[in-house]
Amino acid sequence: MGIPETVRFLFEPGHDILAGVGMLIVKVKQNIIRHSNSNIFE
């Protein structure tokens, strides 16, 4: 796959940011799921 250097340069930091945001979203979803499950079962 031929990816231009400018695209690769722009994509690398964006990928890191997306990974960080993705991890945060996963953590938040896990917290929400835990709280909603505990509320349902109480």
Foldseek 3Di string as FASTA:
>chain_A
DDDDPVVVVVVVVVVVVVVVVVVVVVVVVVVVVVVVVVVVVD
